[in-house]
Protein backbone atom coordinates (compact mmCIF):
# COMPACT_ATOMS: atom_id res chain seq x y z
CA MET A 1 20.30 150.86 9.29
CA GLY A 2 18.21 147.68 10.50
CA THR A 3 19.43 145.58 13.37
CA GLU A 4 18.73 141.79 13.98
CA THR A 5 17.68 140.28 17.24
CA VAL A 6 19.56 137.00 18.32
CA HIS A 7 18.79 135.44 21.79
CA ASP A 8 21.95 135.23 23.96
CA THR A 9 22.14 131.86 25.56
CA GLU A 10 25.83 131.67 26.43
CA SER A 11 24.74 131.88 30.18
CA LEU A 12 22.16 129.06 29.59
CA ALA A 13 24.71 126.58 28.22
CA GLY A 14 25.73 124.68 31.13
CA ALA A 15 27.15 121.83 29.20
CA PRO A 16 30.78 122.42 27.49
CA VAL A 17 30.60 123.43 24.19
CA ARG A 18 32.72 121.45 22.69
CA GLN A 19 30.12 118.49 23.13
CA GLY A 20 27.57 121.11 20.99
CA THR A 21 24.33 122.42 22.45
CA VAL A 22 21.23 123.61 21.07
CA SER A 23 19.05 126.39 22.04
CA TRP A 24 15.82 127.34 21.31
CA ILE A 25 12.47 129.09 22.32
CA SER A 26 9.44 126.58 23.53
CA ALA A 27 5.90 127.33 21.73
CA GLY A 28 5.25 128.97 25.43
CA GLY A 29 8.05 131.40 25.22
CA SER A 30 10.62 129.56 27.31
CA LEU A 31 14.38 130.12 26.41
CA ARG A 32 15.99 126.21 26.77
CA SER A 33 19.39 125.04 26.13
CA GLU A 34 20.50 121.31 26.13
CA ILE A 35 23.45 119.12 24.75
CA ALA A 36 23.00 117.69 21.37
CA SER A 37 21.55 114.32 22.09
CA ALA A 38 18.85 112.00 21.00
CA ALA A 39 16.64 113.52 23.81
CA LEU A 40 15.89 116.36 21.61
CA LEU A 41 13.77 114.41 19.44
CA HIS A 42 11.23 114.77 22.14
CA ALA A 43 11.31 118.71 22.64
CA LYS A 44 8.86 119.36 20.10
CA MET A 45 10.90 121.24 18.01
CA GLU A 46 8.77 121.86 14.98
CA LYS A 47 6.65 124.10 17.45
CA ALA A 48 9.59 126.21 18.55
CA LEU A 49 9.10 130.28 17.90
CA PRO A 50 11.55 131.87 15.71
CA PHE A 51 15.33 132.03 17.61
CA ARG A 52 15.91 135.18 15.76
CA SER A 53 14.14 137.65 14.00
CA GLY A 54 15.32 140.38 11.57
CA VAL A 55 14.15 143.73 10.74
CA GLN A 56 13.02 144.85 7.29
CA TYR A 57 14.31 148.47 5.79
CA GLN A 58 14.53 150.42 2.73
CA ASN A 59 16.39 148.89 -0.10
CA ARG A 60 17.45 145.74 2.02
CA ARG A 61 18.20 142.93 -0.51
CA ASN A 62 16.34 140.03 1.66
CA ARG A 63 12.42 140.23 1.30
CA HIS A 64 10.75 139.16 4.70
CA SER A 65 7.41 137.55 4.30
CA ARG A 66 4.87 135.14 6.10
CA GLN A 67 3.86 132.22 3.97
CA TYR A 68 0.57 130.34 4.51
CA VAL A 69 1.42 126.57 5.04
CA SER A 70 -1.57 124.45 4.50
CA PRO A 71 -1.07 121.62 6.43
CA GLN A 72 -0.55 123.35 9.72
CA ARG A 73 -3.24 125.92 8.91
CA SER A 74 -0.84 129.00 9.92
CA HIS A 75 2.06 131.35 8.42
CA VAL A 76 5.72 130.72 8.68
CA TRP A 77 8.25 133.59 8.70
CA CYS A 78 10.57 133.75 5.76
CA GLU A 79 13.86 135.91 5.69
CA SER A 80 13.91 135.87 2.00
CA ALA A 81 12.46 135.21 -1.24
CA VAL A 82 14.15 132.10 -1.51
CA GLU A 83 12.96 130.88 1.76
CA ALA A 84 9.56 131.36 0.42
CA ASP A 85 9.90 129.60 -2.76
CA ALA A 86 11.56 126.65 -0.51
CA LEU A 87 8.29 126.50 1.75
CA LEU A 88 6.47 126.39 -1.26
CA VAL A 89 8.22 123.30 -2.52
CA LEU A 90 8.16 121.73 0.57
CA GLU A 91 4.21 122.30 0.80
CA PHE A 92 3.96 120.83 -2.60
CA GLU A 93 5.86 117.78 -1.82
CA GLY A 94 3.14 117.26 0.68
CA ASP A 95 5.61 115.47 3.83
CA ALA A 96 6.00 118.40 6.03
CA GLN A 97 3.10 118.31 8.52
CA GLN A 98 4.73 120.92 10.79
CA ILE A 99 7.68 123.71 9.81
CA ALA A 100 9.39 126.15 12.59
CA SER A 101 11.00 129.11 11.01
CA GLN A 102 14.68 129.86 12.43
CA PRO A 103 14.08 127.21 14.82
CA MET A 104 16.89 126.62 16.99
CA LYS A 105 20.85 127.83 17.50
CA LEU A 106 23.46 125.09 16.96
CA VAL A 107 26.80 125.67 18.99
CA PHE A 108 29.21 123.43 17.45
CA ALA A 109 32.26 121.63 19.11
CA ASP A 110 34.58 124.43 17.76
CA GLY A 111 32.73 127.27 19.61
CA THR A 112 31.19 128.76 16.41
CA ASP A 113 27.37 128.63 15.78
CA HIS A 114 24.93 128.52 13.17
CA VAL A 115 20.86 129.02 13.00
CA PRO A 116 19.22 127.20 10.50
CA ASP A 117 16.43 128.10 8.51
CA PHE A 118 13.63 125.49 8.99
CA LEU A 119 13.05 122.42 11.09
CA ALA A 120 10.15 120.38 9.67
CA LEU A 121 8.37 116.89 11.25
CA LEU A 122 7.37 114.78 8.76
CA ARG A 123 4.37 112.29 8.24
CA SER A 124 6.74 109.60 8.58
CA GLY A 125 7.91 111.29 12.07
CA ASP A 126 11.28 112.09 10.79
CA GLN A 127 12.57 115.51 11.53
CA VAL A 128 14.95 117.32 9.17
CA VAL A 129 16.52 120.75 9.15
CA TYR A 130 16.62 122.89 6.31
CA ASP A 131 19.61 125.24 5.30
CA VAL A 132 18.25 127.49 2.33
CA LYS A 133 21.05 128.74 0.20
CA PRO A 134 20.92 130.00 -3.44
CA SER A 135 23.55 127.94 -5.50
CA GLY A 136 25.36 131.22 -6.52
CA ARG A 137 26.17 131.71 -2.59
CA MET A 138 27.15 128.02 -1.99
CA THR A 139 30.88 128.87 -0.78
CA ASP A 140 33.47 126.65 0.79
CA GLU A 141 32.75 128.67 3.90
CA ALA A 142 29.01 127.71 3.34
CA ARG A 143 29.77 123.80 2.77
CA GLU A 144 31.85 124.07 5.82
CA GLN A 145 29.04 125.22 7.96
CA PHE A 146 26.63 123.07 6.45
CA ARG A 147 29.06 120.10 6.87
CA LYS A 148 29.09 120.62 10.66
CA THR A 149 25.54 121.28 10.83
CA ALA A 150 24.77 117.78 9.45
CA GLU A 151 27.33 116.27 11.93
CA LEU A 152 25.67 117.77 15.05
CA CYS A 153 21.86 116.78 13.64
CA ALA A 154 22.73 113.03 12.92
CA SER A 155 24.26 113.07 16.59
CA ILE A 156 20.36 114.04 17.57
CA GLY A 157 18.68 112.06 15.11
CA TRP A 158 17.59 114.79 12.58
CA LYS A 159 18.00 114.47 9.15
CA HIS A 160 19.59 117.53 7.62
CA GLN A 161 18.85 119.17 4.04
CA VAL A 162 20.21 122.19 1.98
CA LEU A 163 18.05 123.70 -0.23
CA ASN A 164 18.67 125.97 -3.38
CA GLU A 165 16.44 127.64 -5.33
CA PRO A 166 14.13 125.32 -7.11
CA ALA A 167 14.10 124.93 -11.09
CA PRO A 168 12.24 128.00 -12.79
CA ALA A 169 9.67 126.00 -14.62
CA LEU A 170 9.03 124.27 -11.92
CA LEU A 171 8.71 127.40 -9.39
CA GLN A 172 6.39 129.25 -12.20
CA ASN A 173 4.09 126.02 -12.22
CA LEU A 174 3.80 126.02 -8.26
CA GLN A 175 2.85 129.74 -8.21
CA PHE A 176 0.10 128.76 -10.98
CA LEU A 177 -1.44 126.11 -9.26
CA ARG A 178 -0.95 127.38 -5.13
CA PRO A 179 -4.05 129.74 -5.21
CA ALA A 180 -6.28 126.58 -6.20
CA ARG A 181 -4.69 124.58 -3.26
CA HIS A 182 -7.20 125.49 -0.53
CA GLY A 183 -10.30 123.64 0.10
CA HIS A 184 -12.75 125.81 -1.44
CA TYR A 185 -11.60 124.92 -4.52
CA HIS A 186 -12.10 121.14 -4.03
CA PRO A 187 -14.45 120.09 -6.78
CA SER A 188 -17.93 118.42 -5.35
CA PRO A 189 -17.87 114.41 -5.50
CA SER A 190 -19.34 114.67 -8.78
CA GLU A 191 -17.51 116.72 -10.11
CA PHE A 192 -14.45 115.12 -8.76
CA GLU A 193 -15.27 111.81 -10.42
CA ARG A 194 -16.00 113.65 -13.95
CA ILE A 195 -12.61 115.27 -14.08
CA ARG A 196 -10.64 112.17 -12.97
CA GLU A 197 -12.57 110.33 -15.99
CA VAL A 198 -12.12 113.19 -18.46
CA PHE A 199 -8.10 112.99 -17.73
CA ASN A 200 -7.88 109.10 -17.18
CA ASP A 201 -6.26 108.47 -20.66
CA GLY A 202 -4.23 111.87 -20.69
CA VAL A 203 -5.86 114.83 -22.30
CA PRO A 204 -4.59 118.59 -22.84
CA PHE A 205 -5.20 121.14 -19.83
CA GLY A 206 -7.85 123.15 -21.72
CA ASP A 207 -9.27 120.41 -23.99
CA GLY A 208 -10.09 118.50 -20.52
CA THR A 209 -11.58 121.89 -18.78
CA ILE A 210 -14.49 121.99 -21.57
CA MET A 211 -15.05 118.32 -21.26
CA ALA A 212 -15.41 118.23 -17.70
CA ASP A 213 -17.68 121.34 -17.63
CA LEU A 214 -18.80 122.78 -20.94
CA GLN A 215 -20.72 125.71 -19.38
CA HIS A 216 -18.44 126.69 -16.98
CA PRO A 217 -14.90 125.56 -17.79
CA TYR A 218 -13.00 128.39 -16.13
CA ARG A 219 -14.65 126.85 -12.78
CA ALA A 220 -13.52 123.69 -14.00
CA ALA A 221 -9.88 125.18 -14.83
CA ALA A 222 -9.64 125.76 -10.66
CA HIS A 223 -10.65 122.53 -9.91
CA VAL A 224 -8.26 120.95 -12.21
CA ARG A 225 -5.45 123.19 -11.07
CA HIS A 226 -6.51 121.96 -7.19
CA LEU A 227 -6.22 118.31 -8.17
CA LEU A 228 -2.70 118.86 -9.78
CA TRP A 229 -1.48 120.30 -6.60
CA HIS A 230 -2.78 117.64 -4.53
CA ARG A 231 -1.62 114.90 -6.95
CA TYR A 232 -5.06 113.51 -8.08
CA LEU A 233 -3.75 114.49 -11.65
CA ASP A 234 -0.43 114.61 -13.10
CA ALA A 235 1.57 116.66 -15.37
CA ASP A 236 5.46 117.30 -16.44
CA LEU A 237 6.00 120.21 -14.36
CA SER A 238 9.61 120.32 -15.36
CA VAL A 239 8.03 122.61 -18.10
CA PRO A 240 5.63 125.57 -18.01
CA VAL A 241 2.00 124.60 -17.79
CA SER A 242 0.05 125.54 -20.71
CA PRO A 243 -3.45 124.52 -21.92
CA GLU A 244 -1.49 122.32 -24.29
CA SER A 245 -0.06 120.04 -21.58
CA VAL A 246 -1.12 116.70 -21.26
CA LEU A 247 -2.46 115.78 -17.84
CA ARG A 248 -3.29 112.40 -16.70
CA THR A 249 -5.24 111.00 -13.53
CA THR A 250 -2.83 109.58 -11.06
CA ARG A 251 -3.88 106.41 -8.78
CA ASN A 252 -4.10 108.62 -5.52
CA GLU A 253 -6.50 107.28 -3.42
CA GLU A 254 -5.82 109.45 -0.07
CA PRO A 255 -8.28 112.02 1.27
CA CYS A 256 -7.41 115.41 0.22
CA ASN A 257 -5.71 117.19 2.83
CA CYS A 258 -6.77 120.72 1.85
CA GLY A 259 -9.71 120.88 4.38
CA ALA A 260 -12.38 120.76 2.20
């Protein structure tokens, strides 16, 4: 039987519980606890170490893993496959620049507590606390816990969002595109312009890769997948991407953040 490590912060919470407290482990490994207030916006919570860690054991339903998140060039710990899928969606959406897993312990005014799944620092500077829960497990108890979490987050200035499992087609497509998101799949400047020109008016995926590189269509296909992930090309991701899927060049002019 596995056990879960949760840091005990009762002795550190000097403020009355009725005001709400937040406890976390700083990047340097120090255990800290403060009253919930706007001061926590400056605590660099996106760099917090996991507040709790579970133990993986034989036949445990939740599969632990570490998922590489490109914007922060590091792995993020996940307690379940649903959390790993949520990270994949967050990375694809492109707003999260730094993500902390199991970032803090929230103690509510009624004395109950909760450890959210993630906190992300967005490109806008906003900080978002995420709870990940399969839609089939959104019980009244879970909704009440998330309501209290949202209220406490609002008192600090954090946003709060509950993430359920992504749509199957979207998840299938992101898993298909994910291997090509890294910098070594970024096409050369001349190939980049040629691919963008090929798909300018909308061309099926399979035909476009041949038009982009007649001698090496499979190499072109990897470049196309990379450009789809980074939004230089667009496709309907609500249905599985196939060789017949029509891709179009977008107006995205931002530099690629893949590290190429």
